[in-house]
């Protein structure tokens, strides 16, 4: 089983995501993820005095700011949510070595795939877009929160979803397989897991 979180830092291939990968991102229901559209938002002009400078970062549009400090990642998926995802083995605490953050790995009895969740307080989703993750990254929304999906050409058996829940913090979700599940399914599992985790956090 590919359960080590330091694999995130070792993804080093630039790729183009197949259309099938993003096909699973086409709907938003509840906390599930959906593909973001760069053309779906209408920009309105504002006076220059009110416009942010080119070097300033626009504030993230989130339904809520969630502080992940002291949040146990093994509590992000309820027992019912784990059952819906087919994750029938007990959660195992781990460490996301790429971000020095607590993590939790949950797998299936049939070993078809596993899900890793990490409550990262040392980096935000920009970690995936500023050159650390040298794979393909696409924007998504998960339960109304900005998010990204990351995939890599040299490893077709892993998919990452990172959800921006607070400045400099993210819920980092990894779905992986030893070969029994393909990338399309893994990205769908990662999206569903991320959506479920957001639902859990929003209910607190």
Protein backbone atom coordinates (compact mmCIF):
# COMPACT_ATOMS: atom_id res chain seq x y z
CA UNK A 1 0.00 0.00 0.00
CA UNK A 2 1.31 3.44 -0.92
CA UNK A 3 0.52 5.20 2.36
CA UNK A 4 3.53 7.41 2.97
CA UNK A 5 2.71 11.11 2.94
CA UNK A 6 6.21 12.10 1.86
CA UNK A 7 5.22 10.83 -1.62
CA UNK A 8 3.45 14.18 -2.11
CA UNK A 9 6.77 15.99 -2.19
CA UNK A 10 8.24 13.45 -4.58
CA UNK A 11 5.68 13.90 -7.37
CA UNK A 12 7.94 15.41 -10.02
CA UNK A 13 6.32 15.00 -13.44
CA UNK A 14 4.39 17.70 -15.31
CA UNK A 15 1.32 16.23 -16.96
CA UNK A 16 -1.96 17.00 -18.66
CA UNK A 17 -4.94 15.52 -16.88
CA UNK A 18 -7.02 13.24 -19.10
CA UNK A 19 -10.59 14.34 -19.63
CA UNK A 20 -11.74 11.28 -17.73
CA UNK A 21 -9.99 12.49 -14.60
CA UNK A 22 -11.94 15.71 -14.53
CA UNK A 23 -15.19 14.04 -15.55
CA UNK A 24 -15.72 13.10 -11.93
CA UNK A 25 -15.51 16.78 -10.95
CA UNK A 26 -18.49 17.96 -12.96
CA UNK A 27 -21.09 18.20 -10.22
CA UNK A 28 -21.39 19.86 -6.83
CA UNK A 29 -23.75 18.23 -4.38
CA UNK A 30 -23.44 18.96 -0.70
CA UNK A 31 -19.79 18.68 0.23
CA UNK A 32 -18.65 16.95 -2.95
CA UNK A 33 -16.11 18.60 -5.18
CA UNK A 34 -16.79 20.21 -8.53
CA UNK A 35 -14.53 21.54 -11.23
CA UNK A 36 -13.93 25.27 -11.08
CA UNK A 37 -14.48 27.31 -14.19
CA UNK A 38 -12.19 30.17 -15.05
CA UNK A 39 -14.82 31.58 -17.39
CA UNK A 40 -17.87 31.19 -15.20
CA UNK A 41 -17.32 34.36 -13.19
CA UNK A 42 -18.09 37.84 -14.48
CA UNK A 43 -15.42 40.41 -13.72
CA UNK A 44 -16.61 43.97 -13.05
CA UNK A 45 -14.37 46.97 -13.36
CA UNK A 46 -13.64 49.09 -10.31
CA UNK A 47 -11.94 52.45 -9.90
CA UNK A 48 -8.17 52.18 -9.82
CA UNK A 49 -8.05 53.57 -6.30
CA UNK A 50 -10.14 50.64 -5.06
CA UNK A 51 -8.43 47.89 -7.06
CA UNK A 52 -5.90 45.67 -5.27
CA UNK A 53 -2.31 46.02 -6.36
CA UNK A 54 -0.87 43.40 -8.70
CA UNK A 55 1.21 42.01 -5.85
CA UNK A 56 -1.62 41.70 -3.33
CA UNK A 57 -3.50 38.44 -2.91
CA UNK A 58 -7.27 38.52 -3.13
CA UNK A 59 -8.96 37.15 -0.02
CA UNK A 60 -10.18 33.59 -0.35
CA UNK A 61 -13.92 33.16 -0.82
CA UNK A 62 -14.86 30.62 1.84
CA UNK A 63 -18.23 29.92 3.49
CA UNK A 64 -16.39 29.73 6.81
CA UNK A 65 -12.84 30.01 8.15
CA UNK A 66 -11.85 26.79 9.89
CA UNK A 67 -8.82 26.53 12.15
CA UNK A 68 -7.28 23.07 11.84
CA UNK A 69 -5.01 23.36 14.84
CA UNK A 70 -5.79 20.60 17.34
CA UNK A 71 -8.09 18.86 14.82
CA UNK A 72 -7.43 15.12 14.75
CA UNK A 73 -7.46 14.06 11.07
CA UNK A 74 -8.81 10.65 12.07
CA UNK A 75 -12.04 12.41 13.11
CA UNK A 76 -12.62 14.06 9.72
CA UNK A 77 -14.59 11.08 8.40
CA UNK A 78 -17.37 9.72 10.55
CA UNK A 79 -18.00 5.99 10.79
CA UNK A 80 -20.97 6.37 8.45
CA UNK A 81 -18.93 8.35 5.91
CA UNK A 82 -16.16 5.76 5.99
CA UNK A 83 -18.71 3.03 5.33
CA UNK A 84 -20.11 4.94 2.35
CA UNK A 85 -16.59 5.17 0.93
CA UNK A 86 -15.94 1.49 1.51
CA UNK A 87 -13.19 2.28 4.01
CA UNK A 88 -13.81 -0.62 6.36
CA UNK A 89 -10.44 -0.86 8.12
CA UNK A 90 -9.69 1.11 11.31
CA UNK A 91 -8.12 4.59 10.89
CA UNK A 92 -4.38 4.68 11.54
CA UNK A 93 -2.64 7.83 12.75
CA UNK A 94 0.34 8.87 10.66
CA UNK A 95 2.40 11.95 9.80
CA UNK A 96 2.34 14.03 6.63
CA UNK A 97 6.10 14.38 6.32
CA UNK A 98 5.84 16.85 3.44
CA UNK A 99 4.12 19.34 5.76
CA UNK A 100 5.12 18.09 9.22
CA UNK A 101 1.44 17.72 10.03
CA UNK A 102 -0.74 15.01 11.57
CA UNK A 103 -2.31 12.57 9.15
CA UNK A 104 -4.64 9.60 9.15
CA UNK A 105 -4.69 6.65 6.74
CA UNK A 106 -7.82 4.58 6.20
CA UNK A 107 -7.97 1.61 3.85
CA UNK A 108 -10.27 -1.14 2.66
CA UNK A 109 -10.24 -4.76 3.69
CA UNK A 110 -9.86 -5.75 0.03
CA UNK A 111 -6.93 -3.28 -0.32
CA UNK A 112 -8.46 -1.78 -3.48
CA UNK A 113 -7.56 1.75 -2.36
CA UNK A 114 -6.78 3.81 0.70
CA UNK A 115 -7.44 7.40 1.73
CA UNK A 116 -5.05 9.61 3.65
CA UNK A 117 -6.21 12.83 5.31
CA UNK A 118 -3.99 15.49 6.83
CA UNK A 119 -4.78 18.66 8.76
CA UNK A 120 -2.03 20.91 7.45
CA UNK A 121 -1.31 24.12 9.36
CA UNK A 122 2.11 24.80 7.83
CA UNK A 123 0.99 25.51 4.25
CA UNK A 124 -2.09 26.41 2.26
CA UNK A 125 -3.28 25.14 -1.11
CA UNK A 126 -0.78 27.45 -2.80
CA UNK A 127 1.79 24.76 -1.97
CA UNK A 128 0.39 22.86 -4.96
CA UNK A 129 0.65 25.82 -7.33
CA UNK A 130 3.90 27.57 -6.37
CA UNK A 131 6.28 24.94 -7.72
CA UNK A 132 6.47 22.41 -4.90
CA UNK A 133 4.11 19.98 -6.63
CA UNK A 134 5.40 19.48 -10.15
CA UNK A 135 2.37 17.72 -11.55
CA UNK A 136 -0.86 18.94 -13.09
CA UNK A 137 -3.07 21.05 -10.82
CA UNK A 138 -6.66 22.10 -11.48
CA UNK A 139 -8.95 24.35 -9.45
CA UNK A 140 -12.04 22.92 -7.79
CA UNK A 141 -14.60 23.81 -5.17
CA UNK A 142 -15.36 21.47 -2.30
CA UNK A 143 -18.47 22.35 -0.31
CA UNK A 144 -18.03 26.00 -1.31
CA UNK A 145 -14.34 26.11 -0.34
CA UNK A 146 -11.55 26.78 -2.86
CA UNK A 147 -9.63 23.59 -3.60
CA UNK A 148 -7.20 22.01 -6.03
CA UNK A 149 -6.77 18.53 -7.49
CA UNK A 150 -3.24 17.33 -8.21
CA UNK A 151 -2.18 14.40 -10.40
CA UNK A 152 1.16 13.18 -11.72
CA UNK A 153 2.18 11.43 -14.93
CA UNK A 154 4.70 9.13 -13.28
CA UNK A 155 2.22 7.76 -10.74
CA UNK A 156 -1.22 6.88 -12.12
CA UNK A 157 -2.27 5.35 -8.80
CA UNK A 158 -2.59 8.45 -6.65
CA UNK A 159 -4.72 11.60 -6.64
CA UNK A 160 -4.56 14.59 -4.29
CA UNK A 161 -7.28 17.05 -3.24
CA UNK A 162 -6.37 20.03 -1.07
CA UNK A 163 -9.09 22.24 0.44
CA UNK A 164 -8.39 25.84 1.49
CA UNK A 165 -10.16 26.18 4.84
CA UNK A 166 -8.05 29.01 6.29
CA UNK A 167 -5.11 31.20 5.34
CA UNK A 168 -2.01 29.01 5.42
CA UNK A 169 -4.00 25.87 6.26
CA UNK A 170 -5.55 23.08 4.22
CA UNK A 171 -7.22 19.72 4.45
CA UNK A 172 -4.96 17.54 2.32
CA UNK A 173 -6.57 14.37 0.98
CA UNK A 174 -4.77 11.60 -0.85
CA UNK A 175 -6.40 8.58 -2.50
CA UNK A 176 -4.00 5.88 -3.60
CA UNK A 177 -3.85 2.30 -4.76
CA UNK A 178 -1.31 -0.43 -5.36
CA UNK A 179 -2.79 -0.86 -8.83
CA UNK A 180 -6.30 -2.16 -8.17
CA UNK A 181 -7.96 1.23 -8.87
CA UNK A 182 -7.18 3.65 -11.69
CA UNK A 183 -6.64 7.40 -11.49
CA UNK A 184 -10.19 8.27 -12.50
CA UNK A 185 -11.64 6.28 -9.62
CA UNK A 186 -9.00 7.53 -7.20
CA UNK A 187 -9.76 11.17 -8.01
CA UNK A 188 -13.45 10.48 -7.46
CA UNK A 189 -12.68 8.84 -4.12
CA UNK A 190 -10.44 11.76 -3.13
CA UNK A 191 -13.19 14.25 -4.02
CA UNK A 192 -15.83 12.34 -2.09
CA UNK A 193 -13.53 12.03 0.91
CA UNK A 194 -12.68 15.74 0.83
CA UNK A 195 -16.36 16.63 0.59
CA UNK A 196 -17.18 14.40 3.55
CA UNK A 197 -14.35 15.92 5.60
CA UNK A 198 -15.65 19.43 4.87
CA UNK A 199 -19.15 18.39 5.93
CA UNK A 200 -17.74 17.10 9.20
CA UNK A 201 -15.81 20.31 9.84
CA UNK A 202 -18.78 22.52 8.97
CA UNK A 203 -20.99 20.63 11.41
CA UNK A 204 -18.75 21.45 14.36
